[in-house]
Amino acid sequence: MSKQSKDHLIHILQQLKKPAKFREIYNKLNKAYPERTVRRWLSELSEQKIINKTGAKKGTCYQLAYSNDTIINSFQEYLSSDAKIAVQYVQQPVFNRKPAAGHIEQQF
């Protein structure tokens, strides 16, 4: 699975914020990948404990095993305003971000 495909799939699961059936996930991916491939990716992510898989056959639902929001909110009060901006930036899907090198000013 390409890194970008994995990030896209995980981003979809973050957006849903609830257990979702395969068809809902597949439709959110705009059918950009073959069905069989998306099923394999979900299986791999489940084996890696990145997502939780519940149910069986047509009743199978998928959900992220953890939430970045839960982790970040636990220490949000200790972050500076610059750190909060950085966290918001990295929470965006990779395919929506500009390269980090474009934000760094050269100090030579």
Protein backbone atom coordinates (compact mmCIF):
# COMPACT_ATOMS: atom_id res chain seq x y z
CA MET A 1 0.00 0.00 0.00
CA SER A 2 1.42 3.35 -0.89
CA LYS A 3 1.87 5.81 1.97
CA GLN A 4 -0.47 8.32 0.32
CA SER A 5 -3.20 5.68 -0.13
CA LYS A 6 -2.87 4.65 3.51
CA ASP A 7 -3.06 8.28 4.65
CA HIS A 8 -6.12 8.86 2.48
CA LEU A 9 -7.88 5.81 3.92
CA ILE A 10 -6.99 6.79 7.51
CA HIS A 11 -8.15 10.36 6.85
CA ILE A 12 -11.53 9.02 5.69
CA LEU A 13 -11.86 7.00 8.91
CA GLN A 14 -10.95 10.10 10.96
CA GLN A 15 -13.66 12.10 9.19
CA LEU A 16 -16.31 9.46 9.84
CA LYS A 17 -15.64 9.44 13.62
CA LYS A 18 -17.79 6.31 14.01
CA PRO A 19 -17.61 2.69 12.92
CA ALA A 20 -18.26 2.50 9.18
CA LYS A 21 -19.11 -0.33 6.82
CA PHE A 22 -16.95 -1.05 3.81
CA ARG A 23 -19.38 0.49 1.31
CA GLU A 24 -19.43 3.83 3.17
CA ILE A 25 -15.63 3.95 3.29
CA TYR A 26 -15.32 2.91 -0.36
CA ASN A 27 -17.79 5.59 -1.48
CA LYS A 28 -15.90 8.26 0.52
CA LEU A 29 -12.75 7.24 -1.38
CA ASN A 30 -14.70 8.13 -4.55
CA LYS A 31 -14.04 4.61 -5.84
CA ALA A 32 -10.53 5.78 -6.74
CA TYR A 33 -9.08 2.34 -5.99
CA PRO A 34 -10.27 -1.17 -6.85
CA GLU A 35 -12.64 -2.67 -4.25
CA ARG A 36 -10.40 -5.66 -3.71
CA THR A 37 -7.43 -3.38 -3.02
CA VAL A 38 -9.32 -1.30 -0.43
CA ARG A 39 -10.44 -4.52 1.32
CA ARG A 40 -6.81 -5.69 1.44
CA TRP A 41 -5.69 -2.31 2.86
CA LEU A 42 -8.36 -2.46 5.56
CA SER A 43 -7.22 -5.97 6.45
CA GLU A 44 -3.57 -4.85 6.66
CA LEU A 45 -4.45 -1.84 8.83
CA SER A 46 -6.47 -4.11 11.10
CA GLU A 47 -3.54 -6.53 11.45
CA GLN A 48 -1.27 -3.58 12.30
CA LYS A 49 -3.77 -2.53 15.02
CA ILE A 50 -4.23 0.89 13.37
CA ILE A 51 -7.95 0.25 12.92
CA ASN A 52 -10.45 -1.90 14.78
CA LYS A 53 -12.56 -4.35 12.81
CA THR A 54 -15.86 -5.52 14.30
CA GLY A 55 -18.57 -7.79 12.99
CA ALA A 56 -18.45 -10.28 10.16
CA LYS A 57 -19.21 -10.42 6.44
CA LYS A 58 -21.62 -7.64 5.40
CA GLY A 59 -21.91 -6.47 9.01
CA THR A 60 -18.19 -5.70 9.33
CA CYS A 61 -17.39 -2.17 10.50
CA TYR A 62 -14.05 -0.36 10.66
CA GLN A 63 -12.92 2.42 12.99
CA LEU A 64 -9.61 3.99 13.96
CA ALA A 65 -8.07 2.25 16.95
CA TYR A 66 -7.12 5.61 18.46
CA SER A 67 -7.95 9.22 17.89
CA ASN A 68 -5.33 11.93 17.42
CA ASP A 69 -7.84 14.36 18.94
CA THR A 70 -7.86 12.39 22.20
CA ILE A 71 -4.08 12.35 22.41
CA ILE A 72 -3.60 16.00 21.46
CA ASN A 73 -6.39 17.31 23.69
CA SER A 74 -4.74 15.66 26.71
CA PHE A 75 -1.75 18.05 26.52
CA GLN A 76 -3.19 20.98 24.50
CA GLU A 77 -3.09 23.38 27.48
CA TYR A 78 0.70 23.03 27.72
CA LEU A 79 1.40 24.01 24.09
CA SER A 80 2.54 27.44 22.96
CA SER A 81 0.52 29.19 20.25
CA ASP A 82 3.22 28.31 17.67
CA ALA A 83 3.07 24.66 18.71
CA LYS A 84 -0.74 24.67 18.38
CA ILE A 85 -0.40 26.02 14.82
CA ALA A 86 2.13 23.28 14.03
CA VAL A 87 -0.21 20.60 15.41
CA GLN A 88 -3.09 21.92 13.28
CA TYR A 89 -0.82 21.82 10.23
CA VAL A 90 0.29 18.22 10.71
CA GLN A 91 -3.28 17.09 11.40
CA GLN A 92 -4.17 17.95 7.81
CA PRO A 93 -4.00 15.06 5.35
CA VAL A 94 -0.55 14.78 3.77
CA PHE A 95 -1.98 15.25 0.29
CA ASN A 96 -3.42 18.67 1.32
CA ARG A 97 -0.20 20.06 2.82
CA LYS A 98 2.49 22.08 1.12
CA PRO A 99 6.01 20.67 1.47
CA ALA A 100 7.64 21.72 4.75
CA ALA A 101 10.67 23.06 2.88
CA GLY A 102 8.42 25.73 1.40
CA HIS A 103 7.76 27.14 4.89
CA ILE A 104 11.37 27.30 6.09
CA GLU A 105 13.25 30.55 5.63
CA GLN A 106 16.95 30.27 4.96
CA GLN A 107 19.02 31.93 7.66
CA PHE A 108 22.46 32.13 6.06
